[in-house]
Amino acid sequence: MPTGYRSSRRGSKSAHKSKRAMKTAKIRNGADSVFGRTARTVRAVLYLIAWAAVAVVGAALVFVIIANGVNSIARWQAQQAADVAASPDVQEEKARDNLLIIGSSEGVAQGFLAVRVEPDNEQVFGIAIPDAAFIEVPGQGFERVGDSFAAGADVSMAAVSNFLGVQFSQYISVSQEVYQGALETQSLAGVMNAVLDTNLKESEQTDFAERLDAISTSKVALVPLPVKPITLGAQTYFEPQRELVADLLQSWWGVTMGSDSDIIRVIVYNGSGEPGVAGEAAQLMIRSGYRVVDTKNADNFDYEITQIVVQNDIPGTGEGVLDVLGTGTIVEQRTDQQVADVIVILGADFTALTSQ
């Protein structure tokens, strides 16, 4: 090895370089260590944030699934309840305390008194509908409700039921004098002794007679249906103001005006050409709790199979109508119109059923 000044100088330079290198390496390692710890900390934080986000999203999904499940169950239960409430048996049971009293003279209807005999509180409620009230008569269109009686009391019951949204399947016919006397005295005592015609059995007449005769006039409320006179040509009609008896319908029969969410609305078309079938089908629908909003002829009379065109998204709608009619093919045809939920086009198959 060389000796002397140069040798020492070289050694000193080498030592300095070595120290600087070691110092630089130490600084770099320290920086790497700091940055490493920082990076690890950041990664850990991001990891925790990611897991927290996953947990939140998961919890949200679970909540949505549970909520949808609960809502689905609630909708299913509501639909089941609605189906039960709309079943013919339930409708018939609800109509057991309802009675339509028809005042007539020489076979012509003069007025209709829709009555509920309240069994628990021994009260009688009734709405008197004038014969000139202009309403929808199943199978005949809009006309004087009095004219419906010419086709039979069943047609009148269907018309009144459809108009009020209350099921009537029992009726009695009395003279105009007895009818007017009941309204004036606010009493139905003795009215069952003056029956001219009825679809009640003898035992049912006796039961009604006993109940009506035992109720004092203080517990009887027979009110006229509010109407507005209108003139069409040479004829004067009365336009019913159904909304004015909304509170009475709600209190007496539990019918909410303007809320038909639980009532399926139906339009019935005659597609077979057989006279009267639209009216017959409309009466069937009304007796089963449906609201018939119109009856008319179809675009032609060549329909062989009845078409049940479902235009709402309520499950079971088509099946319910099919059960009532006893025949037909269900067609799903969604629409935003607010007039009817179902359009029924009667075919020759329904005509065959009615002719049996």
Protein backbone atom coordinates (compact mmCIF):
# COMPACT_ATOMS: atom_id res chain seq x y z
CA MET A 1 0.00 0.00 0.00
CA PRO A 2 1.30 3.53 -0.72
CA THR A 3 2.42 5.64 2.23
CA GLY A 4 2.89 9.29 2.92
CA TYR A 5 0.73 12.38 2.27
CA ARG A 6 -0.99 11.16 -0.88
CA SER A 7 -1.79 7.88 0.69
CA SER A 8 -3.25 9.55 3.78
CA ARG A 9 -5.18 12.00 1.61
CA ARG A 10 -6.69 9.22 -0.40
CA GLY A 11 -7.58 7.37 2.77
CA SER A 12 -9.16 10.49 4.24
CA LYS A 13 -11.22 11.07 1.08
CA SER A 14 -12.34 7.47 1.05
CA ALA A 15 -13.33 7.67 4.69
CA HIS A 16 -15.33 10.83 4.06
CA LYS A 17 -17.08 9.26 1.08
CA SER A 18 -17.85 6.22 3.12
CA LYS A 19 -19.28 8.29 5.97
CA ARG A 20 -21.37 10.37 3.56
CA ALA A 21 -22.66 7.20 1.92
CA MET A 22 -23.50 5.71 5.30
CA LYS A 23 -25.21 8.93 6.38
CA THR A 24 -27.16 9.13 3.14
CA ALA A 25 -28.16 5.49 3.46
CA LYS A 26 -29.21 6.09 7.07
CA ILE A 27 -31.32 9.09 6.05
CA ARG A 28 -32.81 7.16 3.16
CA ASN A 29 -33.57 4.18 5.38
CA GLY A 30 -35.12 6.49 7.95
CA ALA A 31 -37.22 8.16 5.30
CA ASP A 32 -38.21 4.77 3.89
CA SER A 33 -39.11 3.66 7.38
CA VAL A 34 -41.25 6.77 7.98
CA PHE A 35 -42.87 6.54 4.58
CA GLY A 36 -43.39 2.82 5.07
CA ARG A 37 -45.12 3.32 8.38
CA THR A 38 -47.22 6.09 6.87
CA ALA A 39 -48.12 3.94 3.91
CA ARG A 40 -49.00 1.05 6.16
CA THR A 41 -51.12 3.35 8.30
CA VAL A 42 -52.87 4.76 5.23
CA ARG A 43 -53.46 1.25 3.90
CA ALA A 44 -54.86 0.17 7.24
CA VAL A 45 -57.17 3.19 7.37
CA LEU A 46 -58.31 2.61 3.78
CA TYR A 47 -58.83 -1.06 4.60
CA LEU A 48 -61.00 -0.16 7.57
CA ILE A 49 -62.92 2.41 5.53
CA ALA A 50 -63.50 -0.16 2.79
CA TRP A 51 -64.77 -2.71 5.29
CA ALA A 52 -66.97 -0.08 6.92
CA ALA A 53 -68.39 0.84 3.51
CA VAL A 54 -69.03 -2.82 2.73
CA ALA A 55 -70.72 -3.21 6.11
CA VAL A 56 -72.91 -0.14 5.51
CA VAL A 57 -73.84 -1.28 2.02
CA GLY A 58 -74.52 -4.77 3.31
CA ALA A 59 -76.68 -3.44 6.12
CA ALA A 60 -78.54 -1.23 3.64
CA LEU A 61 -79.13 -4.20 1.36
CA VAL A 62 -80.36 -6.29 4.26
CA PHE A 63 -82.67 -3.44 5.29
CA VAL A 64 -84.01 -3.08 1.76
CA ILE A 65 -84.55 -6.82 1.48
CA ILE A 66 -86.32 -6.93 4.83
CA ALA A 67 -88.38 -3.84 4.01
CA ASN A 68 -89.38 -5.26 0.63
CA GLY A 69 -90.22 -8.53 2.31
CA VAL A 70 -92.36 -6.79 4.92
CA ASN A 71 -94.05 -4.66 2.25
CA SER A 72 -94.65 -7.71 0.10
CA ILE A 73 -96.18 -9.56 3.02
CA ALA A 74 -98.29 -6.50 3.88
CA ARG A 75 -99.45 -6.19 0.27
CA TRP A 76 -100.19 -9.89 0.13
CA GLN A 77 -102.16 -9.73 3.37
CA ALA A 78 -104.02 -6.63 2.16
CA GLN A 79 -104.81 -8.35 -1.13
CA GLN A 80 -105.97 -11.46 0.70
CA ALA A 81 -108.20 -9.33 2.92
CA ALA A 82 -109.55 -7.50 -0.14
CA ASP A 83 -110.22 -10.80 -1.91
CA VAL A 84 -112.06 -12.13 1.12
CA ALA A 85 -114.04 -8.90 1.49
CA ALA A 86 -114.98 -9.04 -2.20
CA SER A 87 -116.03 -12.69 -2.13
CA PRO A 88 -119.70 -13.37 -2.88
CA ASP A 89 -120.26 -14.99 0.53
CA VAL A 90 -118.94 -11.95 2.41
CA GLN A 91 -120.88 -9.57 0.18
CA GLU A 92 -124.05 -11.55 0.78
CA GLU A 93 -123.47 -11.52 4.54
CA LYS A 94 -122.94 -7.75 4.53
CA ALA A 95 -126.16 -7.30 2.55
CA ARG A 96 -128.24 -9.33 5.02
CA ASP A 97 -129.36 -6.22 6.92
CA ASN A 98 -130.00 -4.17 3.77
CA LEU A 99 -133.45 -3.89 2.23
CA LEU A 100 -134.63 -2.04 -0.87
CA ILE A 101 -138.19 -0.79 -0.47
CA ILE A 102 -139.80 0.02 -3.84
CA GLY A 103 -142.83 2.27 -3.91
CA SER A 104 -144.96 1.49 -6.96
CA SER A 105 -148.27 2.35 -8.54
CA GLU A 106 -149.86 0.09 -11.17
CA GLY A 107 -146.54 -1.68 -11.71
CA VAL A 108 -144.56 1.54 -12.21
CA ALA A 109 -141.86 2.45 -9.68
CA GLN A 110 -142.34 5.77 -7.92
CA GLY A 111 -139.30 5.70 -5.64
CA PHE A 112 -136.66 3.53 -4.01
CA LEU A 113 -135.79 3.53 -0.31
CA ALA A 114 -132.38 1.97 0.36
CA VAL A 115 -132.56 0.84 3.99
CA ARG A 116 -130.15 -0.59 6.53
CA VAL A 117 -131.63 -2.18 9.66
CA GLU A 118 -128.82 -1.83 12.21
CA PRO A 119 -129.00 -5.00 14.34
CA ASP A 120 -126.85 -3.99 17.31
CA ASN A 121 -128.29 -0.55 18.10
CA GLU A 122 -131.81 -1.26 16.80
CA GLN A 123 -131.76 1.65 14.39
CA VAL A 124 -132.98 2.14 10.84
CA PHE A 125 -131.20 4.27 8.26
CA GLY A 126 -132.40 4.92 4.74
CA ILE A 127 -131.79 7.01 1.62
CA ALA A 128 -134.82 7.72 -0.59
CA ILE A 129 -133.98 7.79 -4.32
CA PRO A 130 -136.61 9.44 -6.56
CA ASP A 131 -137.78 7.53 -9.61
CA ALA A 132 -136.51 10.32 -11.90
CA ALA A 133 -132.93 10.06 -10.61
CA PHE A 134 -130.65 9.69 -13.64
CA ILE A 135 -128.15 6.88 -12.94
CA GLU A 136 -126.40 3.98 -14.66
CA VAL A 137 -128.76 1.01 -15.05
CA PRO A 138 -126.85 -2.21 -15.88
CA GLY A 139 -127.59 -3.27 -19.43
CA GLN A 140 -129.61 -0.14 -20.18
CA GLY A 141 -127.13 2.71 -19.78
CA PHE A 142 -127.89 6.01 -18.04
CA GLU A 143 -131.60 6.54 -17.57
CA ARG A 144 -134.28 7.18 -14.95
CA VAL A 145 -133.85 4.63 -12.19
CA GLY A 146 -137.64 4.23 -12.14
CA ASP A 147 -137.51 2.80 -15.65
CA SER A 148 -135.29 -0.04 -14.41
CA PHE A 149 -138.26 -1.56 -12.57
CA ALA A 150 -139.88 -2.46 -15.89
CA ALA A 151 -137.09 -5.01 -16.39
CA GLY A 152 -137.61 -6.44 -12.90
CA ALA A 153 -136.73 -5.68 -9.30
CA ASP A 154 -133.36 -7.42 -9.74
CA VAL A 155 -132.33 -4.76 -12.24
CA SER A 156 -133.43 -2.00 -9.87
CA MET A 157 -131.44 -3.57 -7.02
CA ALA A 158 -128.37 -3.81 -9.24
CA ALA A 159 -128.75 -0.17 -10.29
CA VAL A 160 -129.11 1.09 -6.71
CA SER A 161 -126.28 -1.14 -5.47
CA ASN A 162 -123.99 0.06 -8.23
CA PHE A 163 -124.86 3.70 -7.63
CA LEU A 164 -124.46 3.75 -3.85
CA GLY A 165 -121.65 1.21 -3.70
CA VAL A 166 -123.77 -0.79 -1.24
CA GLN A 167 -124.94 -4.33 -1.88
CA PHE A 168 -128.73 -4.90 -2.01
CA SER A 169 -130.05 -8.40 -2.66
CA GLN A 170 -133.40 -8.21 -0.81
CA TYR A 171 -136.41 -6.11 -1.74
CA ILE A 172 -140.07 -5.52 -1.03
CA SER A 173 -142.56 -3.66 -3.21
CA VAL A 174 -145.31 -1.60 -1.55
CA SER A 175 -147.90 0.85 -2.76
CA GLN A 176 -146.98 4.47 -3.36
CA GLU A 177 -149.17 5.49 -0.40
CA VAL A 178 -147.34 3.17 2.02
CA TYR A 179 -143.99 4.33 0.63
CA GLN A 180 -144.81 8.03 1.06
CA GLY A 181 -146.31 7.39 4.48
CA ALA A 182 -143.07 5.80 5.69
CA LEU A 183 -141.08 8.84 4.58
CA GLU A 184 -143.49 11.31 6.14
CA THR A 185 -143.83 9.54 9.49
CA GLN A 186 -140.19 8.43 9.60
CA SER A 187 -141.30 4.94 10.56
CA LEU A 188 -141.27 1.53 8.90
CA ALA A 189 -143.54 -0.08 11.46
CA GLY A 190 -146.23 -2.10 9.71
CA VAL A 191 -144.64 -1.76 6.28
CA MET A 192 -144.04 -5.52 6.06
CA ASN A 193 -147.80 -6.06 6.36
CA ALA A 194 -148.36 -4.13 3.12
CA VAL A 195 -145.94 -6.01 0.86
CA LEU A 196 -147.10 -6.43 -2.73
CA ASP A 197 -144.08 -8.37 -3.96
CA THR A 198 -140.76 -9.54 -2.51
CA ASN A 199 -137.93 -12.02 -2.88
CA LEU A 200 -137.82 -12.61 0.89
CA LYS A 201 -138.77 -15.96 2.33
CA GLU A 202 -141.69 -16.01 4.74
CA SER A 203 -139.36 -16.44 7.72
CA GLU A 204 -137.24 -13.52 6.54
CA GLN A 205 -140.33 -11.32 6.18
CA THR A 206 -141.35 -12.19 9.72
CA ASP A 207 -137.90 -11.41 11.03
CA PHE A 208 -137.83 -8.00 9.29
CA ALA A 209 -141.35 -7.23 10.49
CA GLU A 210 -140.46 -7.94 14.11
CA ARG A 211 -137.32 -5.83 13.93
CA LEU A 212 -138.93 -2.88 12.15
CA ASP A 213 -142.04 -2.81 14.35
CA ALA A 214 -139.89 -2.72 17.51
CA ILE A 215 -137.87 0.34 16.48
CA SER A 216 -139.21 3.72 17.62
CA THR A 217 -139.31 6.70 15.28
CA SER A 218 -136.58 8.37 17.35
CA LYS A 219 -134.19 5.76 16.00
CA VAL A 220 -135.28 6.02 12.36
CA ALA A 221 -133.57 8.32 9.84
CA LEU A 222 -134.96 8.28 6.28
CA VAL A 223 -133.42 11.07 4.21
CA PRO A 224 -134.00 12.04 0.58
CA LEU A 225 -131.13 11.74 -1.85
CA PRO A 226 -129.99 15.27 -2.79
CA VAL A 227 -130.66 15.84 -6.49
CA LYS A 228 -130.38 18.64 -9.03
CA PRO A 229 -133.10 18.99 -11.72
CA ILE A 230 -131.87 18.81 -15.32
CA THR A 231 -133.89 19.06 -18.53
CA LEU A 232 -133.11 16.83 -21.51
CA GLY A 233 -135.45 17.68 -24.37
CA ALA A 234 -138.98 17.53 -23.05
CA GLN A 235 -138.02 15.34 -20.07
CA THR A 236 -136.96 16.49 -16.61
CA TYR A 237 -134.50 14.31 -14.75
CA PHE A 238 -132.80 14.56 -11.40
CA GLU A 239 -129.02 14.43 -11.28
CA PRO A 240 -128.05 12.73 -8.00
CA GLN A 241 -125.60 14.64 -5.80
CA ARG A 242 -124.02 11.52 -4.36
CA GLU A 243 -121.17 13.41 -2.73
CA LEU A 244 -123.67 15.22 -0.49
CA VAL A 245 -124.54 11.95 1.26
CA ALA A 246 -120.91 10.89 1.60
CA ASP A 247 -120.96 11.14 5.39
CA LEU A 248 -124.15 9.08 5.59
CA LEU A 249 -122.73 6.36 3.33
CA GLN A 250 -119.58 6.24 5.45
CA SER A 251 -121.47 6.21 8.77
CA TRP A 252 -124.24 3.82 7.80
CA TRP A 253 -122.56 1.42 5.39
CA GLY A 254 -118.83 2.12 5.70
CA VAL A 255 -118.59 3.27 2.07
CA THR A 256 -116.02 6.00 1.47
CA MET A 257 -116.90 8.37 -1.34
CA GLY A 258 -114.14 9.02 -3.87
CA SER A 259 -112.12 6.08 -2.58
CA ASP A 260 -112.67 3.12 -4.88
CA SER A 261 -109.23 1.67 -4.33
CA ASP A 262 -110.79 -1.54 -2.99
CA ILE A 263 -113.47 -1.75 -5.67
CA ILE A 264 -112.70 -3.19 -9.09
CA ARG A 265 -114.32 -1.08 -11.82
CA VAL A 266 -115.64 -2.95 -14.85
CA ILE A 267 -116.91 -2.05 -18.31
CA VAL A 268 -119.06 -4.76 -19.92
CA TYR A 269 -119.38 -5.04 -23.70
CA ASN A 270 -121.80 -7.28 -25.56
CA GLY A 271 -119.64 -9.04 -28.12
CA SER A 272 -122.03 -11.88 -28.91
CA GLY A 273 -125.07 -9.97 -30.11
CA GLU A 274 -127.40 -11.81 -27.72
CA PRO A 275 -129.84 -9.20 -26.34
CA GLY A 276 -129.61 -8.53 -22.62
CA VAL A 277 -126.40 -10.43 -21.87
CA ALA A 278 -124.46 -7.28 -20.93
CA GLY A 279 -127.09 -6.46 -18.32
CA GLU A 280 -127.06 -10.01 -16.96
CA ALA A 281 -123.28 -10.00 -16.69
CA ALA A 282 -123.34 -6.55 -15.08
CA GLN A 283 -125.77 -7.77 -12.43
CA LEU A 284 -123.52 -10.74 -11.68
CA MET A 285 -120.55 -8.42 -11.29
CA ILE A 286 -122.42 -5.97 -9.05
CA ARG A 287 -123.72 -8.74 -6.79
CA SER A 288 -120.14 -9.90 -6.33
CA GLY A 289 -118.97 -6.48 -5.20
CA TYR A 290 -117.67 -5.01 -8.46
CA ARG A 291 -118.50 -1.52 -9.73
CA VAL A 292 -119.90 -1.54 -13.29
CA VAL A 293 -119.14 1.85 -14.81
CA ASP A 294 -120.63 1.22 -18.26
CA THR A 295 -122.38 -1.36 -20.43
CA LYS A 296 -122.56 -1.17 -24.21
CA ASN A 297 -122.18 -3.10 -27.47
CA ALA A 298 -118.72 -4.22 -28.60
CA ASP A 299 -117.18 -3.27 -31.94
CA ASN A 300 -118.70 -6.44 -33.42
CA PHE A 301 -120.78 -9.45 -32.41
CA ASP A 302 -118.35 -12.12 -33.61
CA TYR A 303 -116.62 -12.89 -30.32
CA GLU A 304 -116.72 -16.63 -29.62
CA ILE A 305 -114.78 -16.53 -26.34
CA THR A 306 -115.34 -13.95 -23.61
CA GLN A 307 -112.36 -11.64 -23.21
CA ILE A 308 -111.43 -10.43 -19.71
CA VAL A 309 -109.03 -7.57 -20.38
CA VAL A 310 -107.21 -6.64 -17.17
CA GLN A 311 -105.88 -3.09 -17.21
CA ASN A 312 -104.63 -2.67 -13.63
CA ASP A 313 -101.71 -4.33 -11.84
CA ILE A 314 -103.67 -5.80 -8.92
CA PRO A 315 -102.93 -9.53 -8.63
CA GLY A 316 -105.92 -11.82 -9.03
CA THR A 317 -108.16 -9.29 -10.76
CA GLY A 318 -108.74 -11.36 -13.88
CA GLU A 319 -109.19 -14.58 -11.92
CA GLY A 320 -111.84 -12.94 -9.74
CA VAL A 321 -113.85 -11.78 -12.76
CA LEU A 322 -113.45 -15.20 -14.36
CA ASP A 323 -114.87 -16.86 -11.25
CA VAL A 324 -117.94 -14.60 -11.38
CA LEU A 325 -118.64 -15.03 -15.10
CA GLY A 326 -117.74 -18.72 -15.17
CA THR A 327 -116.08 -18.46 -18.57
CA GLY A 328 -113.60 -16.39 -20.57
CA THR A 329 -109.94 -15.83 -21.34
CA ILE A 330 -107.81 -13.44 -19.29
CA VAL A 331 -105.79 -10.89 -21.26
CA GLU A 332 -103.25 -8.66 -19.48
CA GLN A 333 -103.24 -5.20 -21.05
CA ARG A 334 -101.83 -2.55 -18.72
CA THR A 335 -102.92 1.06 -19.21
CA ASP A 336 -102.78 4.38 -17.38
CA GLN A 337 -106.48 5.20 -17.91
CA GLN A 338 -108.48 5.77 -14.72
CA VAL A 339 -111.93 4.76 -15.97
CA ALA A 340 -111.96 0.99 -15.47
CA ASP A 341 -109.77 -1.81 -14.13
CA VAL A 342 -111.26 -4.51 -16.32
CA ILE A 343 -112.98 -4.56 -19.70
CA VAL A 344 -115.19 -7.59 -20.30
CA ILE A 345 -116.15 -8.42 -23.88
CA LEU A 346 -118.82 -11.09 -23.72
CA GLY A 347 -118.59 -13.84 -26.29
CA ALA A 348 -120.87 -16.66 -27.43
CA ASP A 349 -119.60 -18.85 -24.58
CA PHE A 350 -121.32 -16.59 -22.03
CA THR A 351 -124.51 -16.61 -24.08
CA ALA A 352 -124.51 -20.41 -23.95
CA LEU A 353 -124.17 -20.30 -20.17
CA THR A 354 -127.12 -17.96 -19.73
CA SER A 355 -129.33 -20.02 -21.98
CA GLN A 356 -128.88 -23.24 -20.03
